[in-house]
Protein backbone atom coordinates (compact mmCIF):
# COMPACT_ATOMS: atom_id res chain seq x y z
CA UNK A 1 4.15 6.07 -16.30
CA UNK A 2 7.86 5.73 -16.05
CA UNK A 3 10.14 8.55 -14.88
CA UNK A 4 13.95 8.98 -14.70
CA UNK A 5 15.49 10.87 -11.88
CA UNK A 6 18.93 11.21 -10.37
CA UNK A 7 19.90 9.03 -7.51
CA UNK A 8 19.91 12.11 -5.26
CA UNK A 9 16.34 12.96 -6.23
CA UNK A 10 15.23 9.27 -5.80
CA UNK A 11 16.80 9.23 -2.28
CA UNK A 12 15.05 12.56 -1.39
CA UNK A 13 11.68 11.23 -2.69
CA UNK A 14 12.04 8.06 -0.71
CA UNK A 15 12.90 9.99 2.43
CA UNK A 16 10.02 12.54 1.90
CA UNK A 17 7.50 9.80 1.20
CA UNK A 18 8.51 7.98 4.36
CA UNK A 19 8.07 11.24 6.42
CA UNK A 20 4.62 11.67 4.93
CA UNK A 21 3.78 7.95 5.43
CA UNK A 22 3.00 7.47 1.79
CA UNK A 23 4.56 5.85 -1.35
CA UNK A 24 6.94 7.57 -3.71
CA UNK A 25 4.40 7.03 -6.45
CA UNK A 26 1.62 8.89 -4.44
CA UNK A 27 4.09 11.54 -3.46
CA UNK A 28 5.16 12.24 -7.12
CA UNK A 29 1.48 12.07 -8.21
CA UNK A 30 0.48 14.63 -5.64
CA UNK A 31 3.36 16.91 -6.59
CA UNK A 32 2.32 16.69 -10.26
CA UNK A 33 -1.27 17.53 -9.38
CA UNK A 34 -0.19 20.48 -7.24
CA UNK A 35 1.90 21.75 -10.18
CA UNK A 36 -1.01 21.25 -12.57
CA UNK A 37 -3.34 23.27 -10.34
CA UNK A 38 -0.82 26.06 -10.22
CA UNK A 39 -1.36 26.73 -13.98
CA UNK A 40 -3.80 29.27 -15.39
CA UNK A 41 -5.10 26.62 -17.80
CA UNK A 42 -6.33 24.53 -14.93
CA UNK A 43 -8.12 27.41 -13.22
CA UNK A 44 -9.69 28.57 -16.43
CA UNK A 45 -11.14 25.11 -17.02
CA UNK A 46 -12.34 24.96 -13.37
CA UNK A 47 -14.13 28.30 -13.70
CA UNK A 48 -15.76 27.19 -16.92
CA UNK A 49 -16.92 23.96 -15.20
CA UNK A 50 -18.37 25.91 -12.31
CA UNK A 51 -20.57 27.92 -14.72
CA UNK A 52 -22.06 24.84 -16.26
CA UNK A 53 -25.61 24.51 -14.89
CA UNK A 54 -27.66 21.45 -14.12
CA UNK A 55 -28.18 19.00 -17.02
CA UNK A 56 -31.75 19.28 -18.38
CA UNK A 57 -33.78 16.18 -17.89
CA UNK A 58 -31.45 14.69 -15.30
CA UNK A 59 -32.59 14.37 -11.74
CA UNK A 60 -30.08 12.52 -9.46
CA UNK A 61 -32.72 12.31 -6.74
CA UNK A 62 -34.60 9.72 -8.74
CA UNK A 63 -31.77 7.32 -9.24
CA UNK A 64 -31.82 3.81 -7.73
CA UNK A 65 -30.51 3.23 -4.22
CA UNK A 66 -27.39 1.02 -3.90
CA UNK A 67 -29.42 -1.92 -2.61
CA UNK A 68 -31.83 -1.65 -5.47
CA UNK A 69 -29.08 -1.37 -7.96
CA UNK A 70 -27.34 -4.50 -6.89
CA UNK A 71 -30.45 -6.54 -6.06
CA UNK A 72 -29.97 -9.90 -7.82
CA UNK A 73 -33.24 -11.24 -6.28
């Protein structure tokens, strides 16, 4: 993703990222996610997701353990 911003906005973002000990990329990503979560559409999808029950025929407790999965024995 490429974005275009004014030099003032870029300077602010670099300073803000440094204050938060993060990269400008992560700072902008977090800001976009925060903005996304502020929309009704996001929360409607979240509420719909919460209402989805367990998948029939799927039991995560019976899955392989990590060491079994990667056993190359």
